Structure formats: C-alpha cells, structure tokens
Amino acid sequence: MSSTALSSAALPGGLVALPGVYQPQADTRLLAAALADEDLGPHTQVLEIGTGTGALSLHAATRGAQVTAVDVSWPAVATARLNAWIHRLPLRVLHGDFEARTTGRRFDVVFSNPPYVPAPDSRLPSRGPERAWDAGLDGRAVIDRICADAPT
C-alpha cells in the first residue's frame, strides 16, 4: 500500500472493520490528503486519537513515521491492530483515553477524526456505533477536549 493510495479518493483495499467500528468515508479521505502534505519520516513521532480502522495511522506509517494510535473502543483497537498486521506496518495501538495513555510522551504530529455529529444527549455513548459519531449537544464534546488536552 502506497501513501498515494491512501491520499487518493479511494482508501486502500483490504481494510477490515469489525462491527461498530467507523468505516473510512469522505472525511477520512480529506484528512489523508492533508496528512500527505506533512513532512513525515522515520524520526517523526505521530499520534492518532480515535484511530478506528487505523486507515490514517497506516497512511503515516507507510511514510516511515513512528505511529501511536489510541482508541477508547476495544473493537477499534482490535481492528487497527489487525489492519496493521495485514498491511505489515508497525503501529503501536493502545486502548483507552488518549491523555492517560500518552502521558509523558511528545509527538511531532497529532491528528484525529473525532466524533462531530450533534446528538440529542449531552452524555457521550459508552458503546455501540453511535460512539463513532455522537459528540454531545453541539457536536464539540470530543473535539474541544482534544484541542484542550493534546497540546500538553
């Protein structure tokens, strides 16, 4: 799989998505195109928050970056690990809250495709497919936290 394959309109074939894991869509392709413009290499430390299938982390890994991917969903962690194995790319995939799992580490590039759809409830879902898109009443519950906590 080449980085061009990921940054083009079509994401790479062979991506597995377990039930409940967000399938790469247009927003994922948009982020892949933006990531293609970043200067990534073997000494670049990259963090993906909310990796899902791992498509964007795989994109960074194809360019030689050292990638850590974090997700709160066990099915997403299993999916990203499986896709890394299928594509024979080194990803460090961690389960849990990104801030707790990366304490004390520094990254050159941090990216995420977090949930951003407004939901009827201010509480974020703890399971199920809605976890991939529900983002609180205004759609900003997850992105605001990432913007506040990722810089540290």
N, C-alpha and C. Protein backbone atom coordinates (compact mmCIF):
# COMPACT_ATOMS: atom_id res chain seq x y z
N MET A 1 0.85 -1.17 0.00
CA MET A 1 0.00 0.00 0.00
C MET A 1 0.89 1.23 0.00
N SER A 2 0.66 2.10 -0.93
CA SER A 2 1.48 3.31 -1.00
C SER A 2 0.74 4.47 -0.36
N SER A 3 1.50 5.52 0.00
CA SER A 3 0.85 6.68 0.59
C SER A 3 -0.08 7.33 -0.42
N THR A 4 0.22 7.20 -1.70
CA THR A 4 -0.68 7.78 -2.72
C THR A 4 -2.03 7.07 -2.69
N ALA A 5 -2.02 5.77 -2.43
CA ALA A 5 -3.29 5.04 -2.39
C ALA A 5 -4.19 5.59 -1.30
N LEU A 6 -3.60 5.93 -0.17
CA LEU A 6 -4.40 6.44 0.93
C LEU A 6 -4.82 7.88 0.72
N SER A 7 -4.01 8.69 0.06
CA SER A 7 -4.35 10.09 -0.08
C SER A 7 -5.24 10.34 -1.28
N SER A 8 -5.44 9.33 -2.10
CA SER A 8 -6.34 9.48 -3.24
C SER A 8 -7.78 9.33 -2.77
N ALA A 9 -8.70 9.44 -3.69
CA ALA A 9 -10.12 9.35 -3.35
C ALA A 9 -10.47 7.99 -2.78
N ALA A 10 -9.77 6.94 -3.19
CA ALA A 10 -10.08 5.60 -2.70
C ALA A 10 -9.08 5.20 -1.63
N LEU A 11 -9.60 4.77 -0.49
CA LEU A 11 -8.73 4.26 0.57
C LEU A 11 -8.29 2.86 0.16
N PRO A 12 -7.22 2.34 0.77
CA PRO A 12 -6.68 1.06 0.34
C PRO A 12 -7.66 -0.08 0.51
N GLY A 13 -7.59 -1.02 -0.39
CA GLY A 13 -8.39 -2.22 -0.26
C GLY A 13 -7.86 -3.06 0.89
N GLY A 14 -8.65 -3.96 1.35
CA GLY A 14 -8.18 -4.86 2.38
C GLY A 14 -8.28 -4.32 3.79
N LEU A 15 -8.93 -3.16 3.98
CA LEU A 15 -9.14 -2.67 5.34
C LEU A 15 -10.30 -3.43 5.97
N VAL A 16 -10.04 -3.99 7.12
CA VAL A 16 -11.06 -4.71 7.87
C VAL A 16 -11.70 -3.74 8.84
N ALA A 17 -13.00 -3.86 9.05
CA ALA A 17 -13.70 -3.08 10.08
C ALA A 17 -14.64 -4.00 10.84
N LEU A 18 -14.32 -4.25 12.09
CA LEU A 18 -15.20 -5.06 12.93
C LEU A 18 -16.50 -4.30 13.18
N PRO A 19 -17.57 -5.00 13.53
CA PRO A 19 -18.84 -4.33 13.80
C PRO A 19 -18.68 -3.20 14.81
N GLY A 20 -19.32 -2.06 14.51
CA GLY A 20 -19.28 -0.92 15.40
C GLY A 20 -18.10 0.01 15.19
N VAL A 21 -17.18 -0.35 14.28
CA VAL A 21 -16.00 0.48 14.02
C VAL A 21 -16.30 1.37 12.81
N TYR A 22 -16.01 2.65 12.95
CA TYR A 22 -16.28 3.64 11.91
C TYR A 22 -15.57 3.27 10.61
N GLN A 23 -16.33 3.16 9.56
CA GLN A 23 -15.78 2.85 8.23
C GLN A 23 -15.20 4.13 7.63
N PRO A 24 -14.00 4.10 7.06
CA PRO A 24 -13.46 5.29 6.41
C PRO A 24 -14.41 5.82 5.35
N GLN A 25 -14.62 7.14 5.39
CA GLN A 25 -15.52 7.80 4.45
C GLN A 25 -14.83 9.06 3.91
N ALA A 26 -15.61 9.97 3.36
CA ALA A 26 -15.06 11.18 2.75
C ALA A 26 -14.22 11.99 3.72
N ASP A 27 -14.64 12.08 4.99
CA ASP A 27 -13.86 12.86 5.94
C ASP A 27 -12.50 12.23 6.20
N THR A 28 -12.43 10.91 6.16
CA THR A 28 -11.15 10.22 6.33
C THR A 28 -10.24 10.50 5.13
N ARG A 29 -10.80 10.48 3.92
CA ARG A 29 -10.01 10.79 2.73
C ARG A 29 -9.51 12.23 2.76
N LEU A 30 -10.33 13.15 3.24
CA LEU A 30 -9.92 14.55 3.37
C LEU A 30 -8.72 14.67 4.31
N LEU A 31 -8.77 13.99 5.44
CA LEU A 31 -7.65 14.03 6.38
C LEU A 31 -6.41 13.34 5.82
N ALA A 32 -6.61 12.26 5.06
CA ALA A 32 -5.47 11.58 4.43
C ALA A 32 -4.77 12.52 3.45
N ALA A 33 -5.54 13.28 2.70
CA ALA A 33 -4.96 14.24 1.75
C ALA A 33 -4.17 15.32 2.50
N ALA A 34 -4.71 15.81 3.62
CA ALA A 34 -4.00 16.82 4.42
C ALA A 34 -2.73 16.22 5.02
N LEU A 35 -2.82 14.99 5.49
CA LEU A 35 -1.66 14.32 6.08
C LEU A 35 -0.57 14.08 5.04
N ALA A 36 -0.96 13.90 3.79
CA ALA A 36 0.02 13.68 2.72
C ALA A 36 0.94 14.89 2.54
N ASP A 37 0.47 16.06 2.96
CA ASP A 37 1.29 17.28 2.84
C ASP A 37 2.27 17.45 3.99
N GLU A 38 2.16 16.64 5.03
CA GLU A 38 3.04 16.75 6.19
C GLU A 38 4.38 16.06 5.90
N ASP A 39 5.43 16.62 6.48
CA ASP A 39 6.77 16.06 6.33
C ASP A 39 6.94 14.96 7.37
N LEU A 40 6.66 13.73 6.96
CA LEU A 40 6.77 12.58 7.86
C LEU A 40 7.97 11.74 7.44
N GLY A 41 8.67 11.25 8.41
CA GLY A 41 9.81 10.38 8.13
C GLY A 41 10.08 9.50 9.32
N PRO A 42 11.19 8.77 9.29
CA PRO A 42 11.47 7.78 10.33
C PRO A 42 11.65 8.35 11.74
N HIS A 43 11.92 9.63 11.86
CA HIS A 43 12.10 10.21 13.19
C HIS A 43 10.88 10.99 13.65
N THR A 44 9.82 10.95 12.86
CA THR A 44 8.60 11.69 13.20
C THR A 44 7.72 10.83 14.10
N GLN A 45 7.41 11.38 15.27
CA GLN A 45 6.51 10.72 16.22
C GLN A 45 5.10 11.22 15.96
N VAL A 46 4.19 10.30 15.65
CA VAL A 46 2.83 10.65 15.27
C VAL A 46 1.84 10.01 16.26
N LEU A 47 0.80 10.77 16.60
CA LEU A 47 -0.28 10.25 17.44
C LEU A 47 -1.59 10.43 16.72
N GLU A 48 -2.35 9.35 16.61
CA GLU A 48 -3.73 9.44 16.12
C GLU A 48 -4.66 9.15 17.28
N ILE A 49 -5.57 10.08 17.53
CA ILE A 49 -6.56 9.95 18.59
C ILE A 49 -7.87 9.47 17.97
N GLY A 50 -8.34 8.31 18.42
CA GLY A 50 -9.57 7.73 17.86
C GLY A 50 -9.30 7.09 16.52
N THR A 51 -8.47 6.08 16.51
CA THR A 51 -7.96 5.52 15.25
C THR A 51 -8.99 4.76 14.42
N GLY A 52 -10.01 4.19 15.03
CA GLY A 52 -10.98 3.43 14.24
C GLY A 52 -10.30 2.26 13.53
N THR A 53 -10.40 2.21 12.22
CA THR A 53 -9.78 1.12 11.45
C THR A 53 -8.27 1.24 11.38
N GLY A 54 -7.74 2.42 11.71
CA GLY A 54 -6.31 2.66 11.59
C GLY A 54 -5.90 3.18 10.23
N ALA A 55 -6.85 3.51 9.36
CA ALA A 55 -6.52 3.94 7.99
C ALA A 55 -5.54 5.10 7.97
N LEU A 56 -5.76 6.12 8.79
CA LEU A 56 -4.87 7.28 8.78
C LEU A 56 -3.52 6.96 9.42
N SER A 57 -3.53 6.15 10.45
CA SER A 57 -2.26 5.72 11.06
C SER A 57 -1.44 4.90 10.07
N LEU A 58 -2.11 4.04 9.31
CA LEU A 58 -1.41 3.26 8.29
C LEU A 58 -0.80 4.19 7.25
N HIS A 59 -1.52 5.23 6.89
CA HIS A 59 -1.03 6.22 5.93
C HIS A 59 0.28 6.83 6.44
N ALA A 60 0.30 7.23 7.70
CA ALA A 60 1.51 7.82 8.29
C ALA A 60 2.63 6.79 8.36
N ALA A 61 2.29 5.55 8.70
CA ALA A 61 3.31 4.50 8.81
C ALA A 61 3.93 4.16 7.46
N THR A 62 3.15 4.26 6.37
CA THR A 62 3.73 3.96 5.05
C THR A 62 4.82 4.96 4.70
N ARG A 63 4.79 6.11 5.32
CA ARG A 63 5.78 7.15 5.05
C ARG A 63 6.95 7.08 6.03
N GLY A 64 6.94 6.07 6.90
CA GLY A 64 8.06 5.84 7.79
C GLY A 64 7.90 6.40 9.18
N ALA A 65 6.82 7.11 9.46
CA ALA A 65 6.63 7.70 10.78
C ALA A 65 6.46 6.62 11.84
N GLN A 66 6.82 6.95 13.06
CA GLN A 66 6.60 6.08 14.20
C GLN A 66 5.25 6.45 14.78
N VAL A 67 4.26 5.56 14.63
CA VAL A 67 2.87 5.90 14.89
C VAL A 67 2.35 5.21 16.15
N THR A 68 1.72 6.03 17.00
CA THR A 68 0.95 5.53 18.13
C THR A 68 -0.50 5.88 17.85
N ALA A 69 -1.37 4.90 17.92
CA ALA A 69 -2.80 5.10 17.69
C ALA A 69 -3.54 4.72 18.96
N VAL A 70 -4.51 5.55 19.35
CA VAL A 70 -5.26 5.31 20.57
C VAL A 70 -6.75 5.34 20.26
N ASP A 71 -7.49 4.46 20.91
CA ASP A 71 -8.95 4.47 20.77
C ASP A 71 -9.57 3.96 22.06
N VAL A 72 -10.74 4.49 22.41
CA VAL A 72 -11.45 4.04 23.61
C VAL A 72 -12.26 2.78 23.35
N SER A 73 -12.38 2.39 22.11
CA SER A 73 -13.18 1.23 21.72
C SER A 73 -12.28 0.01 21.51
N TRP A 74 -12.59 -1.07 22.25
CA TRP A 74 -11.83 -2.31 22.04
C TRP A 74 -11.97 -2.84 20.61
N PRO A 75 -13.18 -2.84 20.01
CA PRO A 75 -13.27 -3.30 18.63
C PRO A 75 -12.40 -2.46 17.67
N ALA A 76 -12.29 -1.16 17.91
CA ALA A 76 -11.44 -0.32 17.06
C ALA A 76 -9.97 -0.68 17.26
N VAL A 77 -9.56 -0.90 18.49
CA VAL A 77 -8.17 -1.30 18.76
C VAL A 77 -7.84 -2.61 18.05
N ALA A 78 -8.74 -3.58 18.17
CA ALA A 78 -8.53 -4.87 17.51
C ALA A 78 -8.49 -4.69 15.99
N THR A 79 -9.37 -3.85 15.46
CA THR A 79 -9.41 -3.59 14.02
C THR A 79 -8.12 -2.95 13.54
N ALA A 80 -7.66 -1.92 14.23
CA ALA A 80 -6.43 -1.23 13.82
C ALA A 80 -5.23 -2.17 13.89
N ARG A 81 -5.16 -2.97 14.94
CA ARG A 81 -4.06 -3.95 15.06
C ARG A 81 -4.11 -4.96 13.92
N LEU A 82 -5.31 -5.44 13.61
CA LEU A 82 -5.47 -6.40 12.51
C LEU A 82 -5.06 -5.77 11.18
N ASN A 83 -5.49 -4.55 10.92
CA ASN A 83 -5.11 -3.89 9.66
C ASN A 83 -3.61 -3.62 9.58
N ALA A 84 -2.99 -3.30 10.69
CA ALA A 84 -1.53 -3.12 10.70
C ALA A 84 -0.84 -4.44 10.36
N TRP A 85 -1.35 -5.52 10.92
CA TRP A 85 -0.78 -6.84 10.65
C TRP A 85 -0.98 -7.22 9.17
N ILE A 86 -2.18 -7.00 8.65
CA ILE A 86 -2.49 -7.33 7.25
C ILE A 86 -1.56 -6.57 6.31
N HIS A 87 -1.34 -5.28 6.61
CA HIS A 87 -0.52 -4.44 5.73
C HIS A 87 0.95 -4.44 6.11
N ARG A 88 1.29 -5.23 7.14
CA ARG A 88 2.67 -5.38 7.59
C ARG A 88 3.33 -4.04 7.90
N LEU A 89 2.60 -3.24 8.66
CA LEU A 89 3.10 -1.92 9.06
C LEU A 89 3.15 -1.84 10.58
N PRO A 90 4.21 -1.22 11.10
CA PRO A 90 4.35 -1.13 12.56
C PRO A 90 3.49 0.00 13.14
N LEU A 91 2.47 -0.36 13.89
CA LEU A 91 1.65 0.61 14.61
C LEU A 91 1.66 0.20 16.08
N ARG A 92 1.75 1.16 16.94
CA ARG A 92 1.54 0.92 18.37
C ARG A 92 0.11 1.34 18.64
N VAL A 93 -0.76 0.38 18.89
CA VAL A 93 -2.19 0.66 19.06
C VAL A 93 -2.56 0.43 20.53
N LEU A 94 -3.06 1.47 21.17
CA LEU A 94 -3.37 1.43 22.59
C LEU A 94 -4.86 1.62 22.84
N HIS A 95 -5.36 0.95 23.86
CA HIS A 95 -6.76 1.11 24.25
C HIS A 95 -6.86 2.10 25.41
N GLY A 96 -7.80 3.02 25.31
CA GLY A 96 -8.07 3.91 26.42
C GLY A 96 -8.12 5.36 26.03
N ASP A 97 -8.16 6.20 27.04
CA ASP A 97 -8.19 7.65 26.85
C ASP A 97 -6.83 8.13 26.35
N PHE A 98 -6.82 8.97 25.33
CA PHE A 98 -5.55 9.37 24.73
C PHE A 98 -4.64 10.07 25.72
N GLU A 99 -5.19 10.90 26.58
CA GLU A 99 -4.35 11.65 27.51
C GLU A 99 -3.70 10.71 28.53
N ALA A 100 -4.48 9.79 29.06
CA ALA A 100 -3.96 8.84 30.04
C ALA A 100 -2.92 7.91 29.41
N ARG A 101 -3.16 7.49 28.17
CA ARG A 101 -2.27 6.51 27.52
C ARG A 101 -0.99 7.12 26.96
N THR A 102 -0.93 8.44 26.87
CA THR A 102 0.27 9.07 26.27
C THR A 102 0.96 10.03 27.23
N THR A 103 0.63 9.99 28.51
CA THR A 103 1.24 10.87 29.50
C THR A 103 2.76 10.76 29.43
N GLY A 104 3.41 11.92 29.38
CA GLY A 104 4.87 11.96 29.36
C GLY A 104 5.49 11.79 27.98
N ARG A 105 4.71 11.51 26.98
CA ARG A 105 5.24 11.36 25.62
C ARG A 105 5.00 12.63 24.84
N ARG A 106 5.87 12.89 23.87
CA ARG A 106 5.74 14.06 23.00
C ARG A 106 5.63 13.57 21.56
N PHE A 107 4.84 14.28 20.77
CA PHE A 107 4.60 13.90 19.39
C PHE A 107 4.83 15.10 18.48
N ASP A 108 5.33 14.82 17.28
CA ASP A 108 5.54 15.87 16.28
C ASP A 108 4.25 16.21 15.56
N VAL A 109 3.40 15.21 15.36
CA VAL A 109 2.14 15.40 14.66
C VAL A 109 1.05 14.67 15.44
N VAL A 110 -0.06 15.38 15.69
CA VAL A 110 -1.23 14.79 16.34
C VAL A 110 -2.41 15.01 15.40
N PHE A 111 -3.15 13.95 15.12
CA PHE A 111 -4.33 14.12 14.27
C PHE A 111 -5.45 13.23 14.79
N SER A 112 -6.66 13.58 14.35
CA SER A 112 -7.83 12.85 14.80
C SER A 112 -8.99 13.12 13.85
N ASN A 113 -9.86 12.14 13.74
CA ASN A 113 -11.14 12.31 13.06
C ASN A 113 -12.19 11.96 14.11
N PRO A 114 -12.39 12.86 15.08
CA PRO A 114 -13.25 12.52 16.21
C PRO A 114 -14.73 12.59 15.87
N PRO A 115 -15.56 12.04 16.75
CA PRO A 115 -17.00 12.22 16.58
C PRO A 115 -17.32 13.72 16.53
N TYR A 116 -18.21 14.11 15.61
CA TYR A 116 -18.53 15.54 15.49
C TYR A 116 -20.00 15.80 15.19
N VAL A 117 -20.83 14.79 15.26
CA VAL A 117 -22.25 14.96 14.97
C VAL A 117 -23.00 15.34 16.25
N PRO A 118 -23.75 16.44 16.23
CA PRO A 118 -24.56 16.79 17.40
C PRO A 118 -25.52 15.65 17.73
N ALA A 119 -25.72 15.44 19.03
CA ALA A 119 -26.57 14.34 19.50
C ALA A 119 -27.63 14.89 20.45
N PRO A 120 -28.71 14.15 20.63
CA PRO A 120 -29.79 14.63 21.49
C PRO A 120 -29.44 14.59 22.99
N ASP A 121 -28.34 13.98 23.34
CA ASP A 121 -27.96 13.83 24.75
C ASP A 121 -26.56 14.40 24.96
N SER A 122 -26.34 15.06 26.07
CA SER A 122 -25.01 15.62 26.35
C SER A 122 -24.02 14.54 26.77
N ARG A 123 -24.54 13.40 27.25
CA ARG A 123 -23.65 12.30 27.62
C ARG A 123 -23.18 11.58 26.38
N LEU A 124 -21.88 11.33 26.30
CA LEU A 124 -21.34 10.59 25.16
C LEU A 124 -21.64 9.11 25.35
N PRO A 125 -21.97 8.40 24.27
CA PRO A 125 -22.25 6.96 24.40
C PRO A 125 -21.00 6.19 24.83
N SER A 126 -21.18 5.19 25.65
CA SER A 126 -20.05 4.40 26.11
C SER A 126 -19.85 3.15 25.27
N ARG A 127 -20.80 2.87 24.38
CA ARG A 127 -20.68 1.71 23.49
C ARG A 127 -21.61 1.87 22.31
N GLY A 128 -21.44 0.96 21.36
CA GLY A 128 -22.30 0.97 20.18
C GLY A 128 -21.76 1.86 19.08
N PRO A 129 -22.35 1.76 17.89
CA PRO A 129 -21.85 2.51 16.74
C PRO A 129 -21.95 4.02 16.91
N GLU A 130 -22.89 4.50 17.73
CA GLU A 130 -23.03 5.94 17.93
C GLU A 130 -21.77 6.55 18.53
N ARG A 131 -20.99 5.73 19.21
CA ARG A 131 -19.75 6.20 19.83
C ARG A 131 -18.80 6.81 18.78
N ALA A 132 -18.93 6.38 17.53
CA ALA A 132 -18.04 6.86 16.47
C ALA A 132 -18.46 8.22 15.93
N TRP A 133 -19.70 8.66 16.22
CA TRP A 133 -20.09 9.95 15.65
C TRP A 133 -20.79 10.89 16.63
N ASP A 134 -21.48 10.38 17.67
CA ASP A 134 -22.16 11.27 18.61
C ASP A 134 -21.15 12.11 19.38
N ALA A 135 -21.37 13.44 19.40
CA ALA A 135 -20.41 14.34 20.04
C ALA A 135 -21.08 15.38 20.93
N GLY A 136 -22.11 14.96 21.63
CA GLY A 136 -22.77 15.89 22.55
C GLY A 136 -23.74 16.82 21.84
N LEU A 137 -24.35 17.68 22.62
CA LEU A 137 -25.42 18.54 22.12
C LEU A 137 -24.98 19.44 20.96
N ASP A 138 -23.77 19.98 21.04
CA ASP A 138 -23.31 20.90 19.98
C ASP A 138 -22.33 20.25 19.02
N GLY A 139 -22.04 18.95 19.20
CA GLY A 139 -21.11 18.26 18.31
C GLY A 139 -19.65 18.53 18.62
N ARG A 140 -19.37 19.18 19.74
CA ARG A 140 -17.99 19.58 20.04
C ARG A 140 -17.40 18.91 21.28
N ALA A 141 -18.12 18.00 21.90
CA ALA A 141 -17.66 17.41 23.17
C ALA A 141 -16.29 16.76 23.04
N VAL A 142 -16.05 16.07 21.97
CA VAL A 142 -14.77 15.36 21.81
C VAL A 142 -13.70 16.30 21.26
N ILE A 143 -14.01 17.04 20.22
CA ILE A 143 -13.01 17.92 19.61
C ILE A 143 -12.51 19.00 20.58
N ASP A 144 -13.40 19.54 21.39
CA ASP A 144 -12.97 20.55 22.37
C ASP A 144 -11.97 19.96 23.36
N ARG A 145 -12.21 18.74 23.79
CA ARG A 145 -11.29 18.08 24.73
C ARG A 145 -9.95 17.81 24.07
N ILE A 146 -9.97 17.36 22.84
CA ILE A 146 -8.71 17.11 22.13
C ILE A 146 -7.93 18.41 21.99
N CYS A 147 -8.60 19.47 21.58
CA CYS A 147 -7.92 20.77 21.41
C CYS A 147 -7.37 21.29 22.72
N ALA A 148 -8.05 21.03 23.82
CA ALA A 148 -7.60 21.50 25.13
C ALA A 148 -6.45 20.65 25.68
N ASP A 149 -6.51 19.35 25.47
CA ASP A 149 -5.56 18.44 26.14
C ASP A 149 -4.39 17.99 25.28
N ALA A 150 -4.54 17.93 23.98
CA ALA A 150 -3.46 17.42 23.11
C ALA A 150 -2.19 18.27 23.15
N PRO A 151 -2.28 19.59 23.25
CA PRO A 151 -1.03 20.37 23.25
C PRO A 151 -0.07 20.01 24.38
N THR A 152 -0.59 19.56 25.52
CA THR A 152 0.31 19.19 26.61
C THR A 152 0.93 17.84 26.36
